[in-house]
Protein backbone atom coordinates (compact mmCIF):
# COMPACT_ATOMS: atom_id res chain seq x y z
CA MET A 1 -61.82 185.37 158.23
CA THR A 2 -60.25 181.38 158.31
CA ALA A 3 -56.23 181.53 158.09
CA ALA A 4 -54.80 179.67 155.41
CA ARG A 5 -53.36 176.56 155.60
CA LYS A 6 -49.76 176.17 155.65
CA LYS A 7 -48.73 174.08 152.68
CA PRO A 8 -45.99 171.07 154.97
CA ALA A 9 -42.36 171.64 153.08
CA ALA A 10 -41.86 169.32 150.49
CA THR A 11 -39.77 166.29 151.39
CA LYS A 12 -36.46 166.10 149.53
CA LYS A 13 -36.20 162.89 147.47
CA PRO A 14 -33.11 160.93 149.27
CA THR A 15 -29.74 160.78 146.20
CA ALA A 16 -28.09 157.68 145.66
CA GLU A 17 -25.00 158.77 146.90
CA TYR A 18 -27.43 159.23 150.47
CA LEU A 19 -28.83 156.15 150.24
CA GLU A 20 -24.80 154.68 150.54
CA SER A 21 -24.03 157.39 153.54
CA PRO A 22 -22.79 156.17 157.00
CA GLU A 23 -26.11 158.24 158.53
CA ALA A 24 -27.97 156.01 155.75
CA ILE A 25 -26.92 152.81 157.34
CA ALA A 26 -27.08 154.23 160.90
CA ALA A 27 -30.55 155.23 160.30
CA VAL A 28 -31.54 151.24 159.14
CA ASP A 29 -29.26 150.28 162.36
CA ASP A 30 -31.17 152.40 164.63
CA ILE A 31 -35.15 151.78 163.56
CA LEU A 32 -33.47 147.94 163.13
CA GLY A 33 -32.16 147.95 166.86
CA ALA A 34 -35.62 149.61 167.79
CA ILE A 35 -37.28 146.31 167.05
CA GLY A 36 -34.74 143.86 168.82
CA LEU A 37 -32.35 143.45 165.48
CA THR A 38 -28.48 143.85 165.76
CA HIS A 39 -26.04 143.19 163.13
CA GLY A 40 -23.07 143.43 165.06
CA THR A 41 -20.68 143.96 162.67
CA ARG A 42 -18.33 146.84 161.66
CA ALA A 43 -19.29 150.58 162.43
CA THR A 44 -17.74 153.50 160.95
CA ARG A 45 -15.61 155.73 162.34
CA ARG A 46 -15.29 159.69 161.66
CA ASN A 47 -14.26 162.68 163.17
CA THR A 48 -11.83 160.32 165.44
CA TRP A 49 -8.69 161.98 164.46
CA ASN A 50 -7.73 165.25 162.62
CA GLU A 51 -6.54 163.33 159.43
CA GLY A 52 -3.56 166.42 158.84
CA ALA A 53 -1.53 164.82 162.11
CA ARG A 54 -4.09 161.70 162.81
CA ARG A 55 -4.00 162.21 166.08
CA LEU A 56 -6.94 162.34 168.52
CA VAL A 57 -8.95 165.24 169.49
CA GLY A 58 -11.80 166.15 171.48
CA LYS A 59 -13.28 163.25 173.51
CA LYS A 60 -11.85 160.43 171.69
CA ALA A 61 -8.05 161.92 173.29
CA ASP A 62 -9.54 161.10 176.96
CA LEU A 63 -10.41 157.87 175.82
CA ALA A 64 -6.79 157.44 175.53
CA GLN A 65 -5.76 157.68 178.34
CA LYS A 66 -5.27 154.83 181.01
CA ALA A 67 -9.06 153.59 182.31
CA ALA A 68 -10.75 154.69 185.63
CA VAL A 69 -11.70 151.61 185.99
CA THR A 70 -8.89 148.51 184.52
CA PRO A 71 -10.62 146.44 182.46
CA LYS A 72 -10.60 142.40 183.36
CA GLU A 73 -7.29 140.45 182.16
CA ASN A 74 -9.51 137.89 179.84
CA PRO A 75 -7.27 137.56 176.44
CA LYS A 76 -8.78 134.70 174.48
CA PRO A 77 -5.71 134.00 171.78
CA LEU A 78 -6.13 131.19 168.73
CA PHE A 79 -4.07 128.45 168.24
CA ALA A 80 -3.29 126.22 165.55
CA GLU A 81 -4.01 122.46 165.76
CA ASN A 82 -0.74 121.35 164.33
CA LEU A 83 1.57 123.79 165.65
CA SER A 84 -0.01 122.90 169.31
CA ALA A 85 0.67 119.03 169.09
CA ALA A 86 4.74 120.05 168.27
CA GLU A 87 6.68 119.31 171.25
CA SER A 88 8.55 122.44 173.16
CA LEU A 89 6.67 124.89 171.28
CA VAL A 90 5.13 128.01 172.49
CA HIS A 91 2.55 130.06 169.45
CA GLY A 92 -0.21 132.01 169.18
CA PHE A 93 -2.72 134.71 167.44
CA SER A 94 -4.14 137.35 169.27
CA THR A 95 -7.48 138.47 169.22
CA ARG A 96 -8.89 142.10 170.20
CA THR A 97 -10.55 140.84 173.25
CA GLY A 98 -9.03 141.36 177.02
CA GLY A 99 -6.93 144.30 177.26
CA VAL A 100 -7.07 147.94 178.57
CA THR A 101 -7.76 149.61 175.46
CA ARG A 102 -10.92 151.43 174.88
CA VAL A 103 -10.26 154.16 172.16
CA TYR A 104 -11.08 151.74 169.79
CA ARG A 105 -14.92 150.91 171.14
CA PRO A 106 -15.58 153.31 173.87
CA HIS A 107 -19.32 151.81 174.20
CA LEU A 108 -17.60 149.00 175.51
CA PRO A 109 -18.95 148.16 178.95
CA LYS A 110 -16.02 149.94 181.96
CA ASN A 111 -15.02 146.17 183.33
CA LEU A 112 -14.08 145.78 179.17
CA GLY A 113 -11.45 146.59 176.76
CA ASP A 114 -9.51 145.97 173.96
CA LEU A 115 -5.92 144.21 173.42
CA ASN A 116 -4.44 146.45 170.94
CA LEU A 117 -0.59 145.03 170.89
CA GLY A 118 0.71 148.18 168.69
CA PHE A 119 2.36 151.38 169.18
CA THR A 120 -0.45 153.50 167.27
CA ALA A 121 -1.37 156.70 167.34
CA HIS A 122 -3.85 157.09 168.68
CA ASP A 123 -3.40 154.65 172.18
CA GLU A 124 -1.24 155.51 175.33
CA PRO A 125 2.15 153.29 175.58
CA GLU A 126 1.46 152.20 178.75
CA ASN A 127 -1.59 150.71 177.83
CA VAL A 128 -0.21 148.80 175.16
CA ARG A 129 2.51 147.98 177.64
CA THR A 130 -0.15 146.58 179.54
CA ASN A 131 -1.58 144.42 177.12
CA ARG A 132 1.62 142.98 175.57
CA THR A 133 2.04 141.50 179.09
CA ARG A 134 -0.97 139.97 179.06
CA TYR A 135 -0.74 138.57 175.33
CA LEU A 136 2.47 136.63 176.53
CA LYS A 137 0.55 135.68 179.18
CA SER A 138 -1.91 134.48 177.72
CA ILE A 139 0.14 131.94 175.43
CA LYS A 140 2.38 131.22 178.08
CA ALA A 141 5.25 132.80 176.87
CA SER A 142 6.27 134.93 180.11
CA ARG A 143 9.55 132.81 180.51
CA PHE A 144 10.99 134.10 177.05
CA HIS A 145 13.75 136.98 177.82
CA SER A 146 14.34 137.11 174.07
CA PHE A 147 12.33 138.53 171.38
CA GLY A 148 12.86 138.84 167.44
CA MET A 149 10.18 142.08 166.57
CA LEU A 150 9.84 144.47 163.22
CA HIS A 151 9.19 147.16 161.93
CA GLN A 152 6.75 145.64 159.18
CA PHE A 153 6.96 147.63 155.39
CA HIS A 154 5.40 145.02 153.40
CA SER A 155 8.75 144.26 151.98
CA PRO A 156 10.31 141.10 150.25
CA ILE A 157 13.39 140.54 153.71
CA VAL A 158 13.80 137.79 156.10
CA ARG A 159 15.63 138.65 158.81
CA THR A 160 17.35 135.75 160.51
CA ILE A 161 18.44 135.23 163.83
CA ALA A 162 21.56 133.16 164.63
CA SER A 163 22.18 134.05 168.69
CA SER A 164 20.07 135.21 171.99
CA THR A 165 22.14 138.17 172.09
CA GLU A 166 20.75 139.22 168.16
CA ALA A 167 17.35 138.90 169.75
CA THR A 168 17.84 142.76 171.23
CA ASP A 169 13.80 143.87 171.04
CA ASP A 170 12.30 145.14 173.82
CA PHE A 171 8.83 143.13 173.76
CA LEU A 172 7.25 146.37 175.89
CA ALA A 173 8.72 148.61 173.02
CA PRO A 174 8.58 149.46 169.70
CA ALA A 175 10.59 147.18 167.42
CA LYS A 176 13.20 148.60 165.12
CA HIS A 177 14.56 146.56 162.59
CA LYS A 178 13.50 146.86 159.23
CA ALA A 179 11.84 143.30 157.86
CA ASP A 180 8.86 141.42 156.89
CA ALA A 181 10.19 137.92 157.97
CA MET A 182 12.45 136.22 160.92
CA LEU A 183 14.05 133.18 161.14
CA THR A 184 16.04 131.32 163.73
CA ASP A 185 16.36 128.27 165.39
CA VAL A 186 17.20 129.40 169.09
CA PRO A 187 15.57 128.14 171.86
CA GLY A 188 14.43 130.87 173.95
CA VAL A 189 13.62 133.39 171.53
CA LEU A 190 10.13 134.33 170.74
CA LEU A 191 9.38 135.29 166.89
CA THR A 192 6.45 137.90 166.81
CA VAL A 193 4.62 139.98 163.54
CA GLN A 194 1.78 142.51 163.99
CA ILE A 195 -1.15 142.09 161.87
CA ALA A 196 -4.64 144.09 161.31
CA ASP A 197 -5.65 142.48 158.02
CA CYS A 198 -2.45 140.87 156.56
CA VAL A 199 -1.81 137.23 156.89
CA PRO A 200 0.47 135.89 159.66
CA VAL A 201 2.13 132.82 158.76
CA LEU A 202 4.52 130.72 161.04
CA VAL A 203 6.42 127.55 160.47
CA PHE A 204 8.00 124.49 162.16
CA ASP A 205 10.92 122.47 161.41
CA PRO A 206 10.56 119.94 163.63
CA LYS A 207 13.85 117.66 163.40
CA ARG A 208 16.09 120.95 162.64
CA ARG A 209 14.37 122.40 164.96
CA ALA A 210 14.09 125.97 163.33
CA ILE A 211 11.04 128.38 163.27
CA GLY A 212 9.94 131.08 161.48
CA ALA A 213 7.41 134.08 161.64
CA PHE A 214 6.07 135.84 158.46
CA HIS A 215 3.93 139.00 157.51
CA ALA A 216 2.81 138.62 154.53
CA GLY A 217 0.11 141.44 152.97
CA TRP A 218 -0.66 140.97 149.00
CA ARG A 219 3.10 142.78 148.55
CA GLY A 220 4.90 140.54 150.13
CA THR A 221 2.16 137.56 148.89
CA LEU A 222 3.47 138.97 145.19
CA ALA A 223 7.07 138.92 146.29
CA ARG A 224 6.83 135.70 147.91
CA ILE A 225 8.26 136.11 151.05
CA VAL A 226 7.11 132.70 152.58
CA GLU A 227 8.61 131.02 149.56
CA ARG A 228 11.94 133.15 149.74
CA GLY A 229 11.91 132.31 154.05
CA ILE A 230 11.45 128.40 153.65
CA GLY A 231 14.15 128.76 151.09
CA THR A 232 16.52 130.43 153.46
CA MET A 233 15.55 127.83 156.16
CA ARG A 234 16.56 124.99 153.60
CA ARG A 235 20.13 127.28 152.86
CA GLN A 236 20.41 128.04 156.95
CA TYR A 237 19.73 125.18 158.84
CA GLY A 238 19.37 122.37 155.92
CA SER A 239 15.64 121.76 156.68
CA ASP A 240 13.64 119.51 154.53
CA PRO A 241 10.31 121.47 153.33
CA ALA A 242 8.35 118.18 153.58
CA ASP A 243 9.14 117.64 157.23
CA LEU A 244 7.72 121.75 157.91
CA ILE A 245 4.56 122.40 159.11
CA ALA A 246 2.88 125.73 159.18
CA ALA A 247 -0.27 127.59 160.26
CA ILE A 248 -1.77 130.59 158.17
CA GLY A 249 -3.82 132.60 160.83
CA PRO A 250 -6.50 135.62 161.34
CA SER A 251 -6.42 137.70 158.55
CA ILE A 252 -8.67 139.50 156.01
CA GLY A 253 -10.20 136.52 154.20
CA PRO A 254 -11.22 136.40 150.64
CA GLY A 255 -15.08 137.51 151.40
CA SER A 256 -14.20 141.05 152.51
CA TYR A 257 -11.05 141.99 150.32
CA SER A 258 -11.74 143.68 146.96
CA VAL A 259 -8.60 144.75 145.35
CA SER A 260 -8.04 146.64 141.30
CA GLU A 261 -7.57 144.76 138.43
CA ASP A 262 -3.96 146.36 138.83
CA ILE A 263 -3.39 143.54 141.59
CA ARG A 264 -4.66 140.62 139.33
CA TYR A 265 -2.33 141.88 136.37
CA GLU A 266 0.45 141.92 138.95
CA PHE A 267 -0.22 138.29 140.14
CA SER A 268 -1.28 136.85 136.81
CA SER A 269 2.77 137.79 135.84
CA GLN A 270 3.77 135.52 139.27
CA PHE A 271 1.57 132.75 139.51
CA ALA A 272 -0.01 130.03 137.20
CA TYR A 273 -2.74 128.93 138.72
CA VAL A 274 -3.95 133.08 139.31
CA ASP A 275 -6.96 132.31 138.29
CA THR A 276 -8.18 130.49 142.11
CA LEU A 277 -6.74 133.09 143.52
CA PHE A 278 -9.03 136.13 142.70
CA LYS A 279 -12.96 136.34 142.57
CA ASP A 280 -15.51 138.28 140.79
CA VAL A 281 -18.15 139.47 143.09
CA TYR A 282 -21.49 141.26 142.89
CA ASP A 283 -21.62 144.73 144.81
CA LEU A 284 -25.12 145.07 146.08
CA GLY A 285 -24.48 148.23 148.28
CA PRO A 286 -24.00 148.60 151.92
CA ILE A 287 -27.49 148.49 153.32
CA ARG A 288 -27.91 145.22 151.48
CA GLU A 289 -25.36 143.76 152.05
CA LYS A 290 -25.37 144.23 155.45
CA TYR A 291 -29.24 143.38 155.73
CA PRO A 292 -30.31 141.10 152.56
CA ASN A 293 -32.98 139.63 154.49
CA LEU A 294 -35.12 142.81 153.41
CA PHE A 295 -34.36 142.71 150.12
CA LEU A 296 -35.69 139.13 149.22
CA THR A 297 -36.31 140.66 144.82
CA ALA A 298 -34.14 139.74 142.17
CA ARG A 299 -33.49 142.22 139.57
CA ALA A 300 -36.14 141.77 136.69
CA PRO A 301 -33.93 139.93 133.35
CA GLY A 302 -32.51 141.93 131.09
CA HIS A 303 -31.67 144.98 133.83
CA SER A 304 -27.38 145.15 134.51
CA PRO A 305 -25.62 143.60 137.30
CA LEU A 306 -24.49 145.41 140.69
CA GLY A 307 -20.77 144.75 140.88
CA PRO A 308 -18.77 143.31 139.95
CA LEU A 309 -15.63 143.64 142.87
CA LEU A 310 -12.80 141.63 142.28
CA HIS A 311 -11.93 139.90 145.43
CA LEU A 312 -8.65 138.55 146.76
CA ASN A 313 -8.10 135.02 148.38
CA LEU A 314 -4.56 135.60 150.15
CA TRP A 315 -5.22 132.81 152.59
CA GLU A 316 -5.30 130.35 148.96
CA ALA A 317 -2.00 132.40 147.85
CA ASN A 318 0.52 131.86 150.43
CA ARG A 319 -1.12 127.55 151.26
CA ARG A 320 0.02 127.43 147.75
CA GLN A 321 3.21 129.23 148.32
CA LEU A 322 3.61 126.82 151.04
CA MET A 323 3.29 124.19 148.79
CA ASP A 324 5.67 124.72 146.16
CA ALA A 325 7.84 126.27 149.00
CA GLY A 326 8.08 121.46 149.22
CA LEU A 327 5.33 121.76 152.68
CA LYS A 328 3.08 118.88 152.38
CA GLU A 329 -0.88 119.95 151.69
CA LYS A 330 -1.24 118.16 155.36
CA ASN A 331 1.65 120.02 157.30
CA ILE A 332 -0.45 123.13 156.25
CA SER A 333 -3.34 124.71 158.94
CA VAL A 334 -5.46 127.67 157.41
CA LEU A 335 -7.53 129.15 160.94
CA GLU A 336 -9.77 130.78 158.01
CA GLU A 337 -10.47 133.63 160.73
CA ASP A 338 -11.46 136.55 158.53
CA THR A 339 -10.80 139.94 160.29
CA ALA A 340 -12.54 142.66 158.25
CA ALA A 341 -15.77 140.92 158.85
CA ASP A 342 -15.98 140.39 162.35
CA THR A 343 -14.39 143.20 164.15
CA GLY A 344 -16.01 142.36 167.78
CA ARG A 345 -12.75 139.76 167.80
CA PHE A 346 -10.73 141.22 165.27
CA PHE A 347 -8.84 143.82 164.13
CA SER A 348 -9.04 144.90 160.99
CA HIS A 349 -7.49 148.31 158.87
CA ARG A 350 -9.72 147.78 155.85
CA ALA A 351 -13.25 147.42 158.12
CA GLU A 352 -12.23 150.35 160.46
CA ASP A 353 -11.25 152.86 158.21
CA GLY A 354 -7.77 152.62 159.44
CA PHE A 355 -8.68 153.60 163.10
CA THR A 356 -8.03 150.56 164.74
CA GLY A 357 -5.51 148.84 167.03
CA ARG A 358 -2.89 145.77 166.17
CA MET A 359 -2.64 142.02 166.60
CA MET A 360 -0.06 139.98 166.97
CA ALA A 361 0.87 135.96 165.69
CA SER A 362 3.91 135.09 167.66
CA ILE A 363 6.18 131.41 167.86
CA GLY A 364 9.22 130.49 170.29
CA MET A 365 11.12 127.18 171.04
CA SER A 366 10.92 126.75 174.96
CA LYS A 367 14.34 124.28 174.31
C-alpha cells in the first residue's frame, strides 16, 4: 500500500509589519549582495546594549576594549573654504574615519577603526583619548594647550572665555561647563563642540579677532542660539556682523530629518520664513526607499499617497539666523554634508538608533 503523501506546510503570508522590519530589509540586502549589489547606508544595530542601563552586553562589550591590532591613523577632517583662507586660524570638522574605536562597526577590517571623540557609555575612555589626540593632529591643533569645551544640553546658553586660565577644560577628559555655545577673543584657545546630527556653526571675526562655536539642534535653533551668540560678540568684542565669516558643518540634512507637526508649529511662532524650512515628504517605506529602482511603477490614479513625513532643514534655519544677525550671505559657507545619509563617513544619532559615537567641530586662533 502506497503511503499517503504529506502535504507541504502552508506558507505564512508576510504581514505589512514584517515587510518593514529589520529582518525583511536584511533579507533584501542578502539577496542583492549575492548578485554583487550593495547599498552602503545605515545598518540596524539592535540588541547591542542593555536598554535599562544602556551598557554594552555580550560580544559588543569585548569590542569596546582596546583592539589587539591598532587601527591605522588616517583621520579625514573636513574644512570650510572661507575659514581656511583666514590668517592664523585653525578649524576643522571631524568625520568618523581614522580612529581606534571598533564597537560601533565591528565588521571593519582589523586595521581600521572609528574616530569616536565622545566619552560615551559604549566606548573605552582610553580609545577616546587616543582618538582626540589623533583629531588634534589632523586639524593641526596639537600646539593648543587651552581648550573651551561644553557639556551640551540643547540650551540657549552662550559661554564667554575671557582668558586662557578660564579655558580650563582638559581636552582628554569629559567637559564640565554646561552651555551650547562658546565665544572668545583670546589667542591660543581652541573652542570645540560635539555633534552626531545637530548643527555645528563656527564663526570668526577677522577684524576684532574673535571666534565662536555653536551646537544647534532643533531646540537650540528655535531658541536662536546662533543669533544670540552674534549679539554677544557685538556687545563683548565690538564685532560688526558684516565682517564675520561663518561655516555650517556636517549635520542631519533636510532629506533625512523628519519631525512632528508640533515642531513646525513652534517654529512658526518664531520665524516668518517658516515655510522655507519645512517640506512634506511622502514616505515610500524602508525597502522601497533603500532600493527605489526595484519599484518602477507608480500608484494607480485615485489611490491614496504614501506618507507624508514632515522634514526640517536645520542648515537653512541656521543660515537664515546668521543673516538675521547681520552676516553677509556671501560670508556664510554651508558644507551640506548629511550625517544621517552617510553613516560610512559620519556618526548619526538618528540613523543609528542612538548607538553611535560623537564628532567634533573646532576653531581657534593661533595668535
